[in-house]
């Protein structure tokens, strides 16, 4: 998945976990897609990907030019002031 970006909320959560967008690229590559929570036929396509590491799950919106992560939930990170 090339061109992964994080929206403002996802960037905030990444900072809480000392993570970067490359960690989201790893999740996209290694995580498991939950098709019950995804919308692969929507415009833009939406994928809910679950991981076993620090990132518990994230939602990716896929367009022709980029992938935007719109939500990230971390495992075992407390006191994160993000909305």
PDB file of N, CA and C in Angstrom:
ATOM      1  N   UNK A   1       0.855  -1.167   0.000  1.00  0.00           N
ATOM      2  CA  UNK A   1       0.000   0.000   0.000  1.00  0.00           C
ATOM      3  C   UNK A   1       0.901   1.230   0.000  1.00  0.00           C
ATOM      4  N   UNK A   2       0.990   1.928  -1.080  1.00  0.00           N
ATOM      5  CA  UNK A   2       1.863   3.096  -1.168  1.00  0.00           C
ATOM      6  C   UNK A   2       1.095   4.357  -0.821  1.00  0.00           C
ATOM      7  N   UNK A   3       1.796   5.364  -0.346  1.00  0.00           N
ATOM      8  CA  UNK A   3       1.167   6.646  -0.084  1.00  0.00           C
ATOM      9  C   UNK A   3       0.270   6.667   1.127  1.00  0.00           C
ATOM     10  N   UNK A   4       0.641   6.011   2.223  1.00  0.00           N
ATOM     11  CA  UNK A   4      -0.184   6.018   3.423  1.00  0.00           C
ATOM     12  C   UNK A   4       0.034   7.322   4.181  1.00  0.00           C
ATOM     13  N   UNK A   5      -1.080   7.958   4.550  1.00  0.00           N
ATOM     14  CA  UNK A   5      -1.060   9.174   5.347  1.00  0.00           C
ATOM     15  C   UNK A   5      -2.001   8.968   6.529  1.00  0.00           C
ATOM     16  N   UNK A   6      -1.787   9.745   7.577  1.00  0.00           N
ATOM     17  CA  UNK A   6      -2.661   9.702   8.743  1.00  0.00           C
ATOM     18  C   UNK A   6      -3.358  11.049   8.868  1.00  0.00           C
ATOM     19  N   UNK A   7      -4.682  11.031   9.134  1.00  0.00           N
ATOM     20  CA  UNK A   7      -5.364  12.298   9.349  1.00  0.00           C
ATOM     21  C   UNK A   7      -4.960  12.851  10.713  1.00  0.00           C
ATOM     22  N   UNK A   8      -5.468  14.019  11.070  1.00  0.00           N
ATOM     23  CA  UNK A   8      -5.036  14.706  12.290  1.00  0.00           C
ATOM     24  C   UNK A   8      -5.246  13.859  13.548  1.00  0.00           C
ATOM     25  N   UNK A   9      -6.402  13.230  13.658  1.00  0.00           N
ATOM     26  CA  UNK A   9      -6.678  12.398  14.827  1.00  0.00           C
ATOM     27  C   UNK A   9      -5.758  11.197  14.915  1.00  0.00           C
ATOM     28  N   UNK A  10      -5.524  10.550  13.787  1.00  0.00           N
ATOM     29  CA  UNK A  10      -4.637   9.389  13.762  1.00  0.00           C
ATOM     30  C   UNK A  10      -3.199   9.796  14.074  1.00  0.00           C
ATOM     31  N   UNK A  11      -2.770  10.972  13.590  1.00  0.00           N
ATOM     32  CA  UNK A  11      -1.422  11.462  13.895  1.00  0.00           C
ATOM     33  C   UNK A  11      -1.260  11.679  15.392  1.00  0.00           C
ATOM     34  N   UNK A  12      -2.280  12.208  16.033  1.00  0.00           N
ATOM     35  CA  UNK A  12      -2.250  12.432  17.472  1.00  0.00           C
ATOM     36  C   UNK A  12      -2.052  11.111  18.216  1.00  0.00           C
ATOM     37  N   UNK A  13      -2.820  10.090  17.838  1.00  0.00           N
ATOM     38  CA  UNK A  13      -2.715   8.778  18.490  1.00  0.00           C
ATOM     39  C   UNK A  13      -1.338   8.170  18.246  1.00  0.00           C
ATOM     40  N   UNK A  14      -0.805   8.324  17.041  1.00  0.00           N
ATOM     41  CA  UNK A  14       0.535   7.814  16.753  1.00  0.00           C
ATOM     42  C   UNK A  14       1.571   8.438  17.677  1.00  0.00           C
ATOM     43  N   UNK A  15       1.453   9.745  17.924  1.00  0.00           N
ATOM     44  CA  UNK A  15       2.391  10.422  18.829  1.00  0.00           C
ATOM     45  C   UNK A  15       2.314   9.834  20.230  1.00  0.00           C
ATOM     46  N   UNK A  16       1.118   9.510  20.687  1.00  0.00           N
ATOM     47  CA  UNK A  16       0.947   8.923  22.024  1.00  0.00           C
ATOM     48  C   UNK A  16       1.719   7.609  22.159  1.00  0.00           C
ATOM     49  N   UNK A  17       1.764   6.856  21.079  1.00  0.00           N
ATOM     50  CA  UNK A  17       2.440   5.558  21.117  1.00  0.00           C
ATOM     51  C   UNK A  17       3.859   5.588  20.592  1.00  0.00           C
ATOM     52  N   UNK A  18       4.388   6.807  20.322  1.00  0.00           N
ATOM     53  CA  UNK A  18       5.728   6.937  19.733  1.00  0.00           C
ATOM     54  C   UNK A  18       5.845   6.134  18.447  1.00  0.00           C
ATOM     55  N   UNK A  19       4.819   6.212  17.612  1.00  0.00           N
ATOM     56  CA  UNK A  19       4.778   5.468  16.353  1.00  0.00           C
ATOM     57  C   UNK A  19       4.832   6.437  15.181  1.00  0.00           C
ATOM     58  N   UNK A  20       5.042   5.888  13.993  1.00  0.00           N
ATOM     59  CA  UNK A  20       5.084   6.685  12.772  1.00  0.00           C
ATOM     60  C   UNK A  20       4.145   6.072  11.732  1.00  0.00           C
ATOM     61  N   UNK A  21       4.023   6.752  10.610  1.00  0.00           N
ATOM     62  CA  UNK A  21       3.191   6.243   9.526  1.00  0.00           C
ATOM     63  C   UNK A  21       3.737   4.913   9.008  1.00  0.00           C
ATOM     64  N   UNK A  22       5.039   4.685   9.119  1.00  0.00           N
ATOM     65  CA  UNK A  22       5.586   3.398   8.665  1.00  0.00           C
ATOM     66  C   UNK A  22       5.049   2.239   9.514  1.00  0.00           C
ATOM     67  N   UNK A  23       4.699   2.513  10.773  1.00  0.00           N
ATOM     68  CA  UNK A  23       4.062   1.474  11.595  1.00  0.00           C
ATOM     69  C   UNK A  23       2.679   1.136  11.047  1.00  0.00           C
ATOM     70  N   UNK A  24       1.989   2.134  10.500  1.00  0.00           N
ATOM     71  CA  UNK A  24       0.690   1.882   9.869  1.00  0.00           C
ATOM     72  C   UNK A  24       0.858   1.100   8.572  1.00  0.00           C
ATOM     73  N   UNK A  25       1.950   1.357   7.852  1.00  0.00           N
ATOM     74  CA  UNK A  25       2.236   0.582   6.644  1.00  0.00           C
ATOM     75  C   UNK A  25       2.490  -0.875   7.001  1.00  0.00           C
ATOM     76  N   UNK A  26       3.205  -1.102   8.114  1.00  0.00           N
ATOM     77  CA  UNK A  26       3.446  -2.476   8.577  1.00  0.00           C
ATOM     78  C   UNK A  26       2.133  -3.159   8.933  1.00  0.00           C
ATOM     79  N   UNK A  27       1.237  -2.434   9.612  1.00  0.00           N
ATOM     80  CA  UNK A  27      -0.064  -3.009   9.961  1.00  0.00           C
ATOM     81  C   UNK A  27      -0.842  -3.373   8.706  1.00  0.00           C
ATOM     82  N   UNK A  28      -0.814  -2.495   7.704  1.00  0.00           N
ATOM     83  CA  UNK A  28      -1.534  -2.765   6.454  1.00  0.00           C
ATOM     84  C   UNK A  28      -0.993  -4.018   5.778  1.00  0.00           C
ATOM     85  N   UNK A  29       0.304  -4.233   5.911  1.00  0.00           N
ATOM     86  CA  UNK A  29       0.946  -5.378   5.257  1.00  0.00           C
ATOM     87  C   UNK A  29       0.779  -6.670   6.056  1.00  0.00           C
ATOM     88  N   UNK A  30       0.851  -6.563   7.393  1.00  0.00           N
ATOM     89  CA  UNK A  30       0.896  -7.756   8.238  1.00  0.00           C
ATOM     90  C   UNK A  30      -0.383  -8.039   9.010  1.00  0.00           C
ATOM     91  N   UNK A  31      -1.261  -7.047   9.108  1.00  0.00           N
ATOM     92  CA  UNK A  31      -2.472  -7.208   9.903  1.00  0.00           C
ATOM     93  C   UNK A  31      -3.546  -8.014   9.186  1.00  0.00           C
ATOM     94  N   UNK A  32      -4.636  -8.230   9.892  1.00  0.00           N
ATOM     95  CA  UNK A  32      -5.762  -8.998   9.366  1.00  0.00           C
ATOM     96  C   UNK A  32      -6.937  -8.069   9.085  1.00  0.00           C
ATOM     97  N   UNK A  33      -7.468  -8.123   7.870  1.00  0.00           N
ATOM     98  CA  UNK A  33      -8.631  -7.317   7.505  1.00  0.00           C
ATOM     99  C   UNK A  33      -9.879  -7.958   8.103  1.00  0.00           C
ATOM    100  N   UNK A  34     -10.650  -7.157   8.830  1.00  0.00           N
ATOM    101  CA  UNK A  34     -11.940  -7.598   9.348  1.00  0.00           C
ATOM    102  C   UNK A  34     -12.978  -7.135   8.322  1.00  0.00           C
ATOM    103  N   UNK A  35     -13.377  -8.039   7.433  1.00  0.00           N
ATOM    104  CA  UNK A  35     -14.287  -7.663   6.350  1.00  0.00           C
ATOM    105  C   UNK A  35     -15.684  -7.317   6.859  1.00  0.00           C
ATOM    106  N   UNK A  36     -16.049  -7.809   8.034  1.00  0.00           N
ATOM    107  CA  UNK A  36     -17.346  -7.458   8.611  1.00  0.00           C
ATOM    108  C   UNK A  36     -17.436  -5.995   9.000  1.00  0.00           C
ATOM    109  N   UNK A  37     -16.298  -5.378   9.291  1.00  0.00           N
ATOM    110  CA  UNK A  37     -16.257  -3.965   9.665  1.00  0.00           C
ATOM    111  C   UNK A  37     -15.711  -3.094   8.538  1.00  0.00           C
ATOM    112  N   UNK A  38     -15.381  -3.678   7.418  1.00  0.00           N
ATOM    113  CA  UNK A  38     -14.816  -2.957   6.281  1.00  0.00           C
ATOM    114  C   UNK A  38     -15.897  -2.659   5.244  1.00  0.00           C
ATOM    115  N   UNK A  39     -15.553  -1.813   4.287  1.00  0.00           N
ATOM    116  CA  UNK A  39     -16.452  -1.490   3.184  1.00  0.00           C
ATOM    117  C   UNK A  39     -15.673  -1.481   1.883  1.00  0.00           C
ATOM    118  N   UNK A  40     -15.266  -2.653   1.388  1.00  0.00           N
ATOM    119  CA  UNK A  40     -14.424  -2.707   0.200  1.00  0.00           C
ATOM    120  C   UNK A  40     -15.116  -2.257  -1.089  1.00  0.00           C
ATOM    121  N   UNK A  41     -16.439  -2.141  -1.069  1.00  0.00           N
ATOM    122  CA  UNK A  41     -17.164  -1.697  -2.270  1.00  0.00           C
ATOM    123  C   UNK A  41     -17.640  -0.256  -2.160  1.00  0.00           C
ATOM    124  N   UNK A  42     -17.323   0.383  -1.039  1.00  0.00           N
ATOM    125  CA  UNK A  42     -17.687   1.785  -0.859  1.00  0.00           C
ATOM    126  C   UNK A  42     -16.726   2.663  -1.657  1.00  0.00           C
ATOM    127  N   UNK A  43     -17.076   3.917  -1.838  1.00  0.00           N
ATOM    128  CA  UNK A  43     -16.187   4.911  -2.449  1.00  0.00           C
ATOM    129  C   UNK A  43     -15.950   6.005  -1.428  1.00  0.00           C
ATOM    130  N   UNK A  44     -14.772   6.216  -0.892  1.00  0.00           N
ATOM    131  CA  UNK A  44     -13.580   5.390  -1.070  1.00  0.00           C
ATOM    132  C   UNK A  44     -13.712   4.066  -0.321  1.00  0.00           C
ATOM    133  N   UNK A  45     -12.937   3.090  -0.758  1.00  0.00           N
ATOM    134  CA  UNK A  45     -12.939   1.791  -0.088  1.00  0.00           C
ATOM    135  C   UNK A  45     -12.432   1.969   1.347  1.00  0.00           C
ATOM    136  N   UNK A  46     -13.008   1.212   2.279  1.00  0.00           N
ATOM    137  CA  UNK A  46     -12.660   1.328   3.695  1.00  0.00           C
ATOM    138  C   UNK A  46     -12.281  -0.051   4.215  1.00  0.00           C
ATOM    139  N   UNK A  47     -11.114  -0.125   4.860  1.00  0.00           N
ATOM    140  CA  UNK A  47     -10.647  -1.391   5.418  1.00  0.00           C
ATOM    141  C   UNK A  47     -10.326  -1.219   6.892  1.00  0.00           C
ATOM    142  N   UNK A  48     -10.866  -2.117   7.701  1.00  0.00           N
ATOM    143  CA  UNK A  48     -10.633  -2.165   9.141  1.00  0.00           C
ATOM    144  C   UNK A  48      -9.599  -3.265   9.353  1.00  0.00           C
ATOM    145  N   UNK A  49      -8.383  -2.877   9.747  1.00  0.00           N
ATOM    146  CA  UNK A  49      -7.283  -3.843   9.858  1.00  0.00           C
ATOM    147  C   UNK A  49      -6.870  -3.972  11.310  1.00  0.00           C
ATOM    148  N   UNK A  50      -6.825  -5.223  11.782  1.00  0.00           N
ATOM    149  CA  UNK A  50      -6.476  -5.531  13.165  1.00  0.00           C
ATOM    150  C   UNK A  50      -5.058  -6.063  13.241  1.00  0.00           C
ATOM    151  N   UNK A  51      -4.354  -5.680  14.312  1.00  0.00           N
ATOM    152  CA  UNK A  51      -2.988  -6.129  14.494  1.00  0.00           C
ATOM    153  C   UNK A  51      -2.787  -6.762  15.854  1.00  0.00           C
ATOM    154  N   UNK A  52      -1.642  -7.385  16.041  1.00  0.00           N
ATOM    155  CA  UNK A  52      -1.337  -8.034  17.311  1.00  0.00           C
ATOM    156  C   UNK A  52      -0.257  -7.294  18.088  1.00  0.00           C
ATOM    157  N   UNK A  53       0.236  -6.190  17.538  1.00  0.00           N
ATOM    158  CA  UNK A  53       1.284  -5.414  18.198  1.00  0.00           C
ATOM    159  C   UNK A  53       0.701  -4.245  18.971  1.00  0.00           C
ATOM    160  N   UNK A  54       1.448  -3.142  19.020  1.00  0.00           N
ATOM    161  CA  UNK A  54       1.010  -1.946  19.736  1.00  0.00           C
ATOM    162  C   UNK A  54      -0.275  -1.388  19.136  1.00  0.00           C
ATOM    163  N   UNK A  55      -0.404  -1.431  17.805  1.00  0.00           N
ATOM    164  CA  UNK A  55      -1.633  -0.957  17.155  1.00  0.00           C
ATOM    165  C   UNK A  55      -2.660  -2.086  17.190  1.00  0.00           C
ATOM    166  N   UNK A  56      -3.743  -1.852  17.932  1.00  0.00           N
ATOM    167  CA  UNK A  56      -4.804  -2.856  18.051  1.00  0.00           C
ATOM    168  C   UNK A  56      -5.601  -2.940  16.751  1.00  0.00           C
ATOM    169  N   UNK A  57      -5.997  -1.764  16.211  1.00  0.00           N
ATOM    170  CA  UNK A  57      -6.653  -1.729  14.905  1.00  0.00           C
ATOM    171  C   UNK A  57      -6.624  -0.316  14.350  1.00  0.00           C
ATOM    172  N   UNK A  58      -6.844  -0.216  13.046  1.00  0.00           N
ATOM    173  CA  UNK A  58      -6.889   1.077  12.356  1.00  0.00           C
ATOM    174  C   UNK A  58      -7.825   0.960  11.160  1.00  0.00           C
ATOM    175  N   UNK A  59      -8.384   2.102  10.764  1.00  0.00           N
ATOM    176  CA  UNK A  59      -9.261   2.152   9.604  1.00  0.00           C
ATOM    177  C   UNK A  59      -8.555   2.915   8.487  1.00  0.00           C
ATOM    178  N   UNK A  60      -8.497   2.301   7.304  1.00  0.00           N
ATOM    179  CA  UNK A  60      -7.824   2.859   6.133  1.00  0.00           C
ATOM    180  C   UNK A  60      -8.862   3.181   5.077  1.00  0.00           C
ATOM    181  N   UNK A  61      -8.823   4.407   4.544  1.00  0.00           N
ATOM    182  CA  UNK A  61      -9.641   4.782   3.394  1.00  0.00           C
ATOM    183  C   UNK A  61      -8.724   4.772   2.185  1.00  0.00           C
ATOM    184  N   UNK A  62      -9.092   4.004   1.165  1.00  0.00           N
ATOM    185  CA  UNK A  62      -8.235   3.807  -0.004  1.00  0.00           C
ATOM    186  C   UNK A  62      -8.819   4.544  -1.207  1.00  0.00           C
ATOM    187  N   UNK A  63      -8.016   5.444  -1.795  1.00  0.00           N
ATOM    188  CA  UNK A  63      -8.405   6.111  -3.034  1.00  0.00           C
ATOM    189  C   UNK A  63      -7.440   5.655  -4.125  1.00  0.00           C
ATOM    190  N   UNK A  64      -7.593   6.200  -5.318  1.00  0.00           N
ATOM    191  CA  UNK A  64      -6.696   5.829  -6.407  1.00  0.00           C
ATOM    192  C   UNK A  64      -5.275   6.313  -6.178  1.00  0.00           C
ATOM    193  N   UNK A  65      -5.105   7.365  -5.385  1.00  0.00           N
ATOM    194  CA  UNK A  65      -3.787   7.965  -5.230  1.00  0.00           C
ATOM    195  C   UNK A  65      -3.158   7.785  -3.861  1.00  0.00           C
ATOM    196  N   UNK A  66      -3.952   7.512  -2.832  1.00  0.00           N
ATOM    197  CA  UNK A  66      -3.392   7.430  -1.481  1.00  0.00           C
ATOM    198  C   UNK A  66      -4.283   6.599  -0.566  1.00  0.00           C
ATOM    199  N   UNK A  67      -3.720   6.282   0.575  1.00  0.00           N
ATOM    200  CA  UNK A  67      -4.465   5.629   1.648  1.00  0.00           C
ATOM    201  C   UNK A  67      -4.395   6.551   2.857  1.00  0.00           C
ATOM    202  N   UNK A  68      -5.557   6.867   3.419  1.00  0.00           N
ATOM    203  CA  UNK A  68      -5.612   7.752   4.574  1.00  0.00           C
ATOM    204  C   UNK A  68      -6.128   6.958   5.764  1.00  0.00           C
ATOM    205  N   UNK A  69      -5.364   6.964   6.840  1.00  0.00           N
ATOM    206  CA  UNK A  69      -5.790   6.296   8.067  1.00  0.00           C
ATOM    207  C   UNK A  69      -6.609   7.301   8.858  1.00  0.00           C
ATOM    208  N   UNK A  70      -7.851   6.931   9.156  1.00  0.00           N
ATOM    209  CA  UNK A  70      -8.768   7.857   9.816  1.00  0.00           C
ATOM    210  C   UNK A  70      -8.978   7.556  11.287  1.00  0.00           C
ATOM    211  N   UNK A  71      -8.614   6.372  11.733  1.00  0.00           N
ATOM    212  CA  UNK A  71      -8.706   6.069  13.164  1.00  0.00           C
ATOM    213  C   UNK A  71      -7.665   5.010  13.510  1.00  0.00           C
ATOM    214  N   UNK A  72      -7.109   5.181  14.696  1.00  0.00           N
ATOM    215  CA  UNK A  72      -6.099   4.247  15.203  1.00  0.00           C
ATOM    216  C   UNK A  72      -6.413   4.004  16.667  1.00  0.00           C
ATOM    217  N   UNK A  73      -6.388   2.745  17.086  1.00  0.00           N
ATOM    218  CA  UNK A  73      -6.534   2.402  18.496  1.00  0.00           C
ATOM    219  C   UNK A  73      -5.300   1.601  18.885  1.00  0.00           C
ATOM    220  N   UNK A  74      -4.645   2.070  19.952  1.00  0.00           N
ATOM    221  CA  UNK A  74      -3.429   1.412  20.426  1.00  0.00           C
ATOM    222  C   UNK A  74      -3.744   0.491  21.585  1.00  0.00           C
ATOM    223  N   UNK A  75      -2.932  -0.513  21.725  1.00  0.00           N
ATOM    224  CA  UNK A  75      -3.056  -1.469  22.813  1.00  0.00           C
ATOM    225  C   UNK A  75      -2.155  -1.000  23.955  1.00  0.00           C
ATOM    226  N   UNK A  76      -2.678  -0.967  25.154  1.00  0.00           N
ATOM    227  CA  UNK A  76      -1.896  -0.680  26.370  1.00  0.00           C
ATOM    228  C   UNK A  76      -1.225   0.687  26.377  1.00  0.00           C
ATOM    229  N   UNK A  77      -1.876   1.709  25.802  1.00  0.00           N
ATOM    230  CA  UNK A  77      -1.357   3.081  25.893  1.00  0.00           C
ATOM    231  C   UNK A  77      -2.365   3.885  26.699  1.00  0.00           C
ATOM    232  N   UNK A  78      -1.888   4.468  27.815  1.00  0.00           N
ATOM    233  CA  UNK A  78      -2.783   5.217  28.689  1.00  0.00           C
ATOM    234  C   UNK A  78      -2.485   6.710  28.572  1.00  0.00           C
ATOM    235  N   UNK A  79      -3.413   7.502  29.036  1.00  0.00           N
ATOM    236  CA  UNK A  79      -3.262   8.954  29.094  1.00  0.00           C
ATOM    237  C   UNK A  79      -3.009   9.590  27.728  1.00  0.00           C
ATOM    238  N   UNK A  80      -3.687   9.133  26.715  1.00  0.00           N
ATOM    239  CA  UNK A  80      -3.574   9.730  25.391  1.00  0.00           C
ATOM    240  C   UNK A  80      -4.704  10.754  25.264  1.00  0.00           C
ATOM    241  N   UNK A  81      -4.366  12.059  25.129  1.00  0.00           N
ATOM    242  CA  UNK A  81      -5.394  13.102  25.132  1.00  0.00           C
ATOM    243  C   UNK A  81      -6.124  13.295  23.801  1.00  0.00           C
ATOM    244  N   UNK A  82      -5.922  12.400  22.862  1.00  0.00           N
ATOM    245  CA  UNK A  82      -6.532  12.552  21.539  1.00  0.00           C
ATOM    246  C   UNK A  82      -8.035  12.296  21.599  1.00  0.00           C
ATOM    247  N   UNK A  83      -8.764  13.002  20.732  1.00  0.00           N
ATOM    248  CA  UNK A  83     -10.227  12.800  20.713  1.00  0.00           C
ATOM    249  C   UNK A  83     -10.611  11.438  20.174  1.00  0.00           C
TER     250      UNK A  83
END
